[in-house]
PDB file of all heavy atoms in Angstrom:
ATOM      1  N   HIS A   1       0.842  -1.192   0.000  1.00  0.00           N
ATOM      2  CA  HIS A   1       0.001   0.002   0.000  1.00  0.00           C
ATOM      3  C   HIS A   1       0.885   1.251   0.000  1.00  0.00           C
ATOM      4  O   HIS A   1       1.475   1.612   1.019  1.00  0.00           O
ATOM      5  CB  HIS A   1      -0.926   0.005   1.213  1.00  0.00           C
ATOM      6  CG  HIS A   1      -1.753  -1.240   1.320  1.00  0.00           C
ATOM      7  ND1 HIS A   1      -1.375  -2.318   2.107  1.00  0.00           N
ATOM      8  CD2 HIS A   1      -2.922  -1.589   0.726  1.00  0.00           C
ATOM      9  CE1 HIS A   1      -2.283  -3.268   2.010  1.00  0.00           C
ATOM     10  NE2 HIS A   1      -3.231  -2.863   1.167  1.00  0.00           N
ATOM     11  N   ALA A   2       0.966   1.887  -1.143  1.00  0.00           N
ATOM     12  CA  ALA A   2       1.831   3.057  -1.286  1.00  0.00           C
ATOM     13  C   ALA A   2       1.232   4.275  -0.591  1.00  0.00           C
ATOM     14  O   ALA A   2       0.019   4.505  -0.637  1.00  0.00           O
ATOM     15  CB  ALA A   2       2.063   3.361  -2.755  1.00  0.00           C
ATOM     16  N   LEU A   3       2.104   5.057   0.057  1.00  0.00           N
ATOM     17  CA  LEU A   3       1.667   6.331   0.635  1.00  0.00           C
ATOM     18  C   LEU A   3       1.326   7.331  -0.463  1.00  0.00           C
ATOM     19  O   LEU A   3       0.462   8.191  -0.296  1.00  0.00           O
ATOM     20  CB  LEU A   3       2.765   6.911   1.519  1.00  0.00           C
ATOM     21  CG  LEU A   3       3.133   6.162   2.796  1.00  0.00           C
ATOM     22  CD1 LEU A   3       4.267   6.884   3.497  1.00  0.00           C
ATOM     23  CD2 LEU A   3       1.934   6.022   3.713  1.00  0.00           C
ATOM     24  N   GLY A   4       2.017   7.232  -1.560  1.00  0.00           N
ATOM     25  CA  GLY A   4       1.791   8.125  -2.688  1.00  0.00           C
ATOM     26  C   GLY A   4       2.493   7.592  -3.909  1.00  0.00           C
ATOM     27  O   GLY A   4       3.487   6.860  -3.805  1.00  0.00           O
ATOM     28  N   SER A   5       1.988   7.930  -5.082  1.00  0.00           N
ATOM     29  CA  SER A   5       2.612   7.490  -6.327  1.00  0.00           C
ATOM     30  C   SER A   5       2.257   8.447  -7.456  1.00  0.00           C
ATOM     31  O   SER A   5       1.226   9.127  -7.414  1.00  0.00           O
ATOM     32  CB  SER A   5       2.159   6.071  -6.688  1.00  0.00           C
ATOM     33  OG  SER A   5       0.782   6.035  -6.988  1.00  0.00           O
ATOM     34  N   VAL A   6       3.127   8.494  -8.453  1.00  0.00           N
ATOM     35  CA  VAL A   6       2.881   9.280  -9.659  1.00  0.00           C
ATOM     36  C   VAL A   6       3.397   8.477 -10.847  1.00  0.00           C
ATOM     37  O   VAL A   6       4.275   7.621 -10.708  1.00  0.00           O
ATOM     38  CB  VAL A   6       3.576  10.658  -9.634  1.00  0.00           C
ATOM     39  CG1 VAL A   6       2.971  11.561  -8.582  1.00  0.00           C
ATOM     40  CG2 VAL A   6       5.078  10.509  -9.428  1.00  0.00           C
ATOM     41  N   VAL A   7       2.848   8.753 -12.008  1.00  0.00           N
ATOM     42  CA  VAL A   7       3.314   8.144 -13.252  1.00  0.00           C
ATOM     43  C   VAL A   7       3.861   9.254 -14.136  1.00  0.00           C
ATOM     44  O   VAL A   7       3.165  10.236 -14.415  1.00  0.00           O
ATOM     45  CB  VAL A   7       2.181   7.389 -13.970  1.00  0.00           C
ATOM     46  CG1 VAL A   7       2.652   6.911 -15.335  1.00  0.00           C
ATOM     47  CG2 VAL A   7       1.713   6.203 -13.140  1.00  0.00           C
ATOM     48  N   ALA A   8       5.108   9.104 -14.544  1.00  0.00           N
ATOM     49  CA  ALA A   8       5.739  10.060 -15.450  1.00  0.00           C
ATOM     50  C   ALA A   8       5.668   9.499 -16.864  1.00  0.00           C
ATOM     51  O   ALA A   8       6.343   8.518 -17.187  1.00  0.00           O
ATOM     52  CB  ALA A   8       7.190  10.314 -15.035  1.00  0.00           C
ATOM     53  N   ASN A   9       4.831  10.097 -17.689  1.00  0.00           N
ATOM     54  CA  ASN A   9       4.717   9.687 -19.078  1.00  0.00           C
ATOM     55  C   ASN A   9       5.915  10.204 -19.873  1.00  0.00           C
ATOM     56  O   ASN A   9       6.692  11.030 -19.379  1.00  0.00           O
ATOM     57  CB  ASN A   9       3.413  10.222 -19.661  1.00  0.00           C
ATOM     58  CG  ASN A   9       2.195   9.564 -19.050  1.00  0.00           C
ATOM     59  OD1 ASN A   9       2.117   8.336 -18.972  1.00  0.00           O
ATOM     60  ND2 ASN A   9       1.232  10.359 -18.598  1.00  0.00           N
ATOM     61  N   PRO A  10       6.113   9.732 -21.106  1.00  0.00           N
ATOM     62  CA  PRO A  10       7.255  10.190 -21.901  1.00  0.00           C
ATOM     63  C   PRO A  10       7.352  11.713 -21.966  1.00  0.00           C
ATOM     64  O   PRO A  10       6.376  12.393 -22.279  1.00  0.00           O
ATOM     65  CB  PRO A  10       6.958   9.596 -23.282  1.00  0.00           C
ATOM     66  CG  PRO A  10       6.198   8.341 -22.986  1.00  0.00           C
ATOM     67  CD  PRO A  10       5.333   8.690 -21.810  1.00  0.00           C
ATOM     68  N   GLY A  11       8.516  12.227 -21.606  1.00  0.00           N
ATOM     69  CA  GLY A  11       8.753  13.666 -21.654  1.00  0.00           C
ATOM     70  C   GLY A  11       8.278  14.441 -20.439  1.00  0.00           C
ATOM     71  O   GLY A  11       8.508  15.644 -20.354  1.00  0.00           O
ATOM     72  N   GLN A  12       7.636  13.776 -19.483  1.00  0.00           N
ATOM     73  CA  GLN A  12       7.080  14.469 -18.328  1.00  0.00           C
ATOM     74  C   GLN A  12       8.045  14.533 -17.148  1.00  0.00           C
ATOM     75  O   GLN A  12       8.873  13.654 -16.953  1.00  0.00           O
ATOM     76  CB  GLN A  12       5.796  13.780 -17.849  1.00  0.00           C
ATOM     77  CG  GLN A  12       4.540  14.174 -18.573  1.00  0.00           C
ATOM     78  CD  GLN A  12       3.298  13.662 -17.863  1.00  0.00           C
ATOM     79  OE1 GLN A  12       3.282  12.567 -17.291  1.00  0.00           O
ATOM     80  NE2 GLN A  12       2.234  14.451 -17.888  1.00  0.00           N
ATOM     81  N   THR A  13       7.893  15.589 -16.346  1.00  0.00           N
ATOM     82  CA  THR A  13       8.520  15.704 -15.029  1.00  0.00           C
ATOM     83  C   THR A  13       7.399  15.955 -14.038  1.00  0.00           C
ATOM     84  O   THR A  13       6.662  16.930 -14.172  1.00  0.00           O
ATOM     85  CB  THR A  13       9.530  16.859 -14.984  1.00  0.00           C
ATOM     86  OG1 THR A  13      10.566  16.634 -15.951  1.00  0.00           O
ATOM     87  CG2 THR A  13      10.158  16.967 -13.604  1.00  0.00           C
ATOM     88  N   VAL A  14       7.252  15.065 -13.052  1.00  0.00           N
ATOM     89  CA  VAL A  14       6.102  15.117 -12.152  1.00  0.00           C
ATOM     90  C   VAL A  14       6.572  15.272 -10.704  1.00  0.00           C
ATOM     91  O   VAL A  14       7.397  14.484 -10.231  1.00  0.00           O
ATOM     92  CB  VAL A  14       5.253  13.836 -12.268  1.00  0.00           C
ATOM     93  CG1 VAL A  14       3.977  13.970 -11.458  1.00  0.00           C
ATOM     94  CG2 VAL A  14       4.919  13.542 -13.725  1.00  0.00           C
ATOM     95  N   PRO A  15       6.077  16.272  -9.955  1.00  0.00           N
ATOM     96  CA  PRO A  15       6.423  16.397  -8.527  1.00  0.00           C
ATOM     97  C   PRO A  15       5.616  15.410  -7.695  1.00  0.00           C
ATOM     98  O   PRO A  15       4.586  14.886  -8.134  1.00  0.00           O
ATOM     99  CB  PRO A  15       6.026  17.840  -8.208  1.00  0.00           C
ATOM    100  CG  PRO A  15       4.895  18.124  -9.154  1.00  0.00           C
ATOM    101  CD  PRO A  15       5.207  17.379 -10.418  1.00  0.00           C
ATOM    102  N   LEU A  16       6.093  15.153  -6.496  1.00  0.00           N
ATOM    103  CA  LEU A  16       5.403  14.224  -5.594  1.00  0.00           C
ATOM    104  C   LEU A  16       5.619  14.668  -4.159  1.00  0.00           C
ATOM    105  O   LEU A  16       6.737  14.984  -3.762  1.00  0.00           O
ATOM    106  CB  LEU A  16       5.943  12.798  -5.793  1.00  0.00           C
ATOM    107  CG  LEU A  16       5.439  11.717  -4.832  1.00  0.00           C
ATOM    108  CD1 LEU A  16       3.938  11.511  -4.976  1.00  0.00           C
ATOM    109  CD2 LEU A  16       6.179  10.400  -5.068  1.00  0.00           C
ATOM    110  N   GLU A  17       4.531  14.695  -3.374  1.00  0.00           N
ATOM    111  CA  GLU A  17       4.609  14.995  -1.949  1.00  0.00           C
ATOM    112  C   GLU A  17       3.745  13.994  -1.195  1.00  0.00           C
ATOM    113  O   GLU A  17       2.615  13.709  -1.612  1.00  0.00           O
ATOM    114  CB  GLU A  17       4.110  16.417  -1.653  1.00  0.00           C
ATOM    115  CG  GLU A  17       4.945  17.508  -2.265  1.00  0.00           C
ATOM    116  CD  GLU A  17       4.463  18.898  -1.882  1.00  0.00           C
ATOM    117  OE1 GLU A  17       3.665  18.982  -0.915  1.00  0.00           O
ATOM    118  OE2 GLU A  17       4.857  19.871  -2.528  1.00  0.00           O
ATOM    119  N   VAL A  18       4.269  13.428  -0.107  1.00  0.00           N
ATOM    120  CA  VAL A  18       3.488  12.499   0.710  1.00  0.00           C
ATOM    121  C   VAL A  18       3.695  12.837   2.183  1.00  0.00           C
ATOM    122  O   VAL A  18       4.792  13.243   2.592  1.00  0.00           O
ATOM    123  CB  VAL A  18       3.883  11.025   0.465  1.00  0.00           C
ATOM    124  CG1 VAL A  18       3.594  10.617  -0.967  1.00  0.00           C
ATOM    125  CG2 VAL A  18       5.351  10.785   0.784  1.00  0.00           C
ATOM    126  N   ASN A  19       2.650  12.685   2.978  1.00  0.00           N
ATOM    127  CA  ASN A  19       2.754  12.851   4.421  1.00  0.00           C
ATOM    128  C   ASN A  19       3.159  11.521   5.040  1.00  0.00           C
ATOM    129  O   ASN A  19       2.594  10.468   4.708  1.00  0.00           O
ATOM    130  CB  ASN A  19       1.418  13.323   5.003  1.00  0.00           C
ATOM    131  CG  ASN A  19       1.055  14.720   4.532  1.00  0.00           C
ATOM    132  OD1 ASN A  19       1.914  15.583   4.409  1.00  0.00           O
ATOM    133  ND2 ASN A  19      -0.226  14.946   4.253  1.00  0.00           N
ATOM    134  N   LEU A  20       4.119  11.558   5.938  1.00  0.00           N
ATOM    135  CA  LEU A  20       4.604  10.345   6.585  1.00  0.00           C
ATOM    136  C   LEU A  20       3.806  10.078   7.856  1.00  0.00           C
ATOM    137  O   LEU A  20       3.529  11.007   8.622  1.00  0.00           O
ATOM    138  CB  LEU A  20       6.087  10.474   6.910  1.00  0.00           C
ATOM    139  CG  LEU A  20       7.012  10.728   5.704  1.00  0.00           C
ATOM    140  CD1 LEU A  20       8.452  10.881   6.177  1.00  0.00           C
ATOM    141  CD2 LEU A  20       6.893   9.615   4.679  1.00  0.00           C
ATOM    142  N   PRO A  21       3.427   8.828   8.105  1.00  0.00           N
ATOM    143  CA  PRO A  21       2.629   8.507   9.288  1.00  0.00           C
ATOM    144  C   PRO A  21       3.446   8.616  10.570  1.00  0.00           C
ATOM    145  O   PRO A  21       4.678   8.536  10.557  1.00  0.00           O
ATOM    146  CB  PRO A  21       2.196   7.065   9.033  1.00  0.00           C
ATOM    147  CG  PRO A  21       3.269   6.490   8.165  1.00  0.00           C
ATOM    148  CD  PRO A  21       3.710   7.629   7.284  1.00  0.00           C
ATOM    149  N   ALA A  22       2.760   8.789  11.677  1.00  0.00           N
ATOM    150  CA  ALA A  22       3.430   8.802  12.981  1.00  0.00           C
ATOM    151  C   ALA A  22       4.077   7.441  13.219  1.00  0.00           C
ATOM    152  O   ALA A  22       3.526   6.402  12.866  1.00  0.00           O
ATOM    153  CB  ALA A  22       2.423   9.107  14.077  1.00  0.00           C
ATOM    154  N   GLY A  23       5.234   7.444  13.801  1.00  0.00           N
ATOM    155  CA  GLY A  23       5.922   6.192  14.082  1.00  0.00           C
ATOM    156  C   GLY A  23       6.669   5.612  12.894  1.00  0.00           C
ATOM    157  O   GLY A  23       7.111   4.469  12.935  1.00  0.00           O
ATOM    158  N   VAL A  24       6.820   6.383  11.825  1.00  0.00           N
ATOM    159  CA  VAL A  24       7.539   5.872  10.654  1.00  0.00           C
ATOM    160  C   VAL A  24       8.999   5.620  11.010  1.00  0.00           C
ATOM    161  O   VAL A  24       9.632   6.425  11.690  1.00  0.00           O
ATOM    162  CB  VAL A  24       7.425   6.857   9.469  1.00  0.00           C
ATOM    163  CG1 VAL A  24       8.065   8.194   9.791  1.00  0.00           C
ATOM    164  CG2 VAL A  24       8.054   6.263   8.218  1.00  0.00           C
ATOM    165  N   PHE A  25       9.525   4.481  10.584  1.00  0.00           N
ATOM    166  CA  PHE A  25      10.933   4.166  10.852  1.00  0.00           C
ATOM    167  C   PHE A  25      11.709   3.868   9.572  1.00  0.00           C
ATOM    168  O   PHE A  25      12.922   3.652   9.601  1.00  0.00           O
ATOM    169  CB  PHE A  25      11.058   2.971  11.811  1.00  0.00           C
ATOM    170  CG  PHE A  25      10.358   1.721  11.353  1.00  0.00           C
ATOM    171  CD1 PHE A  25      10.940   0.858  10.439  1.00  0.00           C
ATOM    172  CD2 PHE A  25       9.097   1.408  11.856  1.00  0.00           C
ATOM    173  CE1 PHE A  25      10.292  -0.298  10.036  1.00  0.00           C
ATOM    174  CE2 PHE A  25       8.437   0.248  11.457  1.00  0.00           C
ATOM    175  CZ  PHE A  25       9.032  -0.602  10.540  1.00  0.00           C
ATOM    176  N   ALA A  26      11.011   3.850   8.439  1.00  0.00           N
ATOM    177  CA  ALA A  26      11.690   3.624   7.161  1.00  0.00           C
ATOM    178  C   ALA A  26      10.769   4.050   6.021  1.00  0.00           C
ATOM    179  O   ALA A  26       9.544   3.978   6.145  1.00  0.00           O
ATOM    180  CB  ALA A  26      12.077   2.155   6.992  1.00  0.00           C
ATOM    181  N   VAL A  27      11.367   4.500   4.950  1.00  0.00           N
ATOM    182  CA  VAL A  27      10.609   4.742   3.717  1.00  0.00           C
ATOM    183  C   VAL A  27      11.323   4.009   2.582  1.00  0.00           C
ATOM    184  O   VAL A  27      12.553   3.882   2.586  1.00  0.00           O
ATOM    185  CB  VAL A  27      10.476   6.240   3.363  1.00  0.00           C
ATOM    186  CG1 VAL A  27       9.631   6.961   4.386  1.00  0.00           C
ATOM    187  CG2 VAL A  27      11.834   6.895   3.212  1.00  0.00           C
ATOM    188  N   THR A  28      10.540   3.522   1.634  1.00  0.00           N
ATOM    189  CA  THR A  28      11.081   2.820   0.470  1.00  0.00           C
ATOM    190  C   THR A  28      10.590   3.503  -0.799  1.00  0.00           C
ATOM    191  O   THR A  28       9.392   3.730  -0.958  1.00  0.00           O
ATOM    192  CB  THR A  28      10.656   1.343   0.462  1.00  0.00           C
ATOM    193  OG1 THR A  28      11.198   0.682   1.616  1.00  0.00           O
ATOM    194  CG2 THR A  28      11.176   0.637  -0.785  1.00  0.00           C
ATOM    195  N   LEU A  29      11.523   3.828  -1.671  1.00  0.00           N
ATOM    196  CA  LEU A  29      11.192   4.378  -2.977  1.00  0.00           C
ATOM    197  C   LEU A  29      11.254   3.251  -4.003  1.00  0.00           C
ATOM    198  O   LEU A  29      12.208   2.474  -4.015  1.00  0.00           O
ATOM    199  CB  LEU A  29      12.171   5.477  -3.377  1.00  0.00           C
ATOM    200  CG  LEU A  29      12.377   6.655  -2.419  1.00  0.00           C
ATOM    201  CD1 LEU A  29      13.252   7.710  -3.075  1.00  0.00           C
ATOM    202  CD2 LEU A  29      11.058   7.249  -1.982  1.00  0.00           C
ATOM    203  N   ARG A  30      10.232   3.182  -4.845  1.00  0.00           N
ATOM    204  CA  ARG A  30      10.203   2.145  -5.880  1.00  0.00           C
ATOM    205  C   ARG A  30       9.939   2.783  -7.239  1.00  0.00           C
ATOM    206  O   ARG A  30       9.098   3.676  -7.365  1.00  0.00           O
ATOM    207  CB  ARG A  30       9.115   1.107  -5.591  1.00  0.00           C
ATOM    208  CG  ARG A  30       9.024  -0.011  -6.651  1.00  0.00           C
ATOM    209  CD  ARG A  30       7.823  -0.893  -6.393  1.00  0.00           C
ATOM    210  NE  ARG A  30       7.937  -1.596  -5.118  1.00  0.00           N
ATOM    211  CZ  ARG A  30       6.929  -2.255  -4.528  1.00  0.00           C
ATOM    212  NH1 ARG A  30       5.722  -2.254  -5.101  1.00  0.00           N
ATOM    213  NH2 ARG A  30       7.113  -2.868  -3.382  1.00  0.00           N
ATOM    214  N   VAL A  31      10.673   2.329  -8.258  1.00  0.00           N
ATOM    215  CA  VAL A  31      10.427   2.739  -9.643  1.00  0.00           C
ATOM    216  C   VAL A  31      10.145   1.489 -10.459  1.00  0.00           C
ATOM    217  O   VAL A  31      10.730   0.435 -10.220  1.00  0.00           O
ATOM    218  CB  VAL A  31      11.624   3.509 -10.243  1.00  0.00           C
ATOM    219  CG1 VAL A  31      11.797   4.849  -9.555  1.00  0.00           C
ATOM    220  CG2 VAL A  31      12.920   2.698 -10.137  1.00  0.00           C
ATOM    221  N   SER A  32       9.254   1.605 -11.425  1.00  0.00           N
ATOM    222  CA  SER A  32       8.925   0.454 -12.268  1.00  0.00           C
ATOM    223  C   SER A  32       8.409   0.921 -13.616  1.00  0.00           C
ATOM    224  O   SER A  32       7.781   1.982 -13.733  1.00  0.00           O
ATOM    225  CB  SER A  32       7.887  -0.439 -11.580  1.00  0.00           C
ATOM    226  OG  SER A  32       6.740   0.295 -11.215  1.00  0.00           O
ATOM    227  N   LEU A  33       8.685   0.119 -14.649  1.00  0.00           N
ATOM    228  CA  LEU A  33       8.190   0.417 -15.982  1.00  0.00           C
ATOM    229  C   LEU A  33       6.708   0.098 -16.051  1.00  0.00           C
ATOM    230  O   LEU A  33       6.264  -0.957 -15.589  1.00  0.00           O
ATOM    231  CB  LEU A  33       8.948  -0.400 -17.026  1.00  0.00           C
ATOM    232  CG  LEU A  33      10.423  -0.027 -17.231  1.00  0.00           C
ATOM    233  CD1 LEU A  33      11.094  -1.013 -18.182  1.00  0.00           C
ATOM    234  CD2 LEU A  33      10.549   1.393 -17.772  1.00  0.00           C
ATOM    235  N   VAL A  34       5.926   0.997 -16.639  1.00  0.00           N
ATOM    236  CA  VAL A  34       4.480   0.789 -16.740  1.00  0.00           C
ATOM    237  C   VAL A  34       4.157  -0.196 -17.852  1.00  0.00           C
ATOM    238  O   VAL A  34       3.287  -1.058 -17.705  1.00  0.00           O
ATOM    239  CB  VAL A  34       3.767   2.133 -16.973  1.00  0.00           C
ATOM    240  CG1 VAL A  34       2.276   1.912 -17.208  1.00  0.00           C
ATOM    241  CG2 VAL A  34       3.982   3.059 -15.776  1.00  0.00           C
ATOM    242  N   THR A  35       4.850  -0.097 -18.970  1.00  0.00           N
ATOM    243  CA  THR A  35       4.644  -1.032 -20.085  1.00  0.00           C
ATOM    244  C   THR A  35       5.980  -1.652 -20.468  1.00  0.00           C
ATOM    245  O   THR A  35       7.025  -0.992 -20.401  1.00  0.00           O
ATOM    246  CB  THR A  35       4.032  -0.328 -21.299  1.00  0.00           C
ATOM    247  OG1 THR A  35       4.878   0.766 -21.679  1.00  0.00           O
ATOM    248  CG2 THR A  35       2.645   0.191 -20.990  1.00  0.00           C
TER     249      THR A  35
END
């Protein structure tokens, strides 16, 4: 369950902001090809 996500289409630059839950001890960033 991602806290937040965005999809960057060809040629796009997309900002991203997420609020972190109380008690957070780690964050993981993941990138993946859509197609």
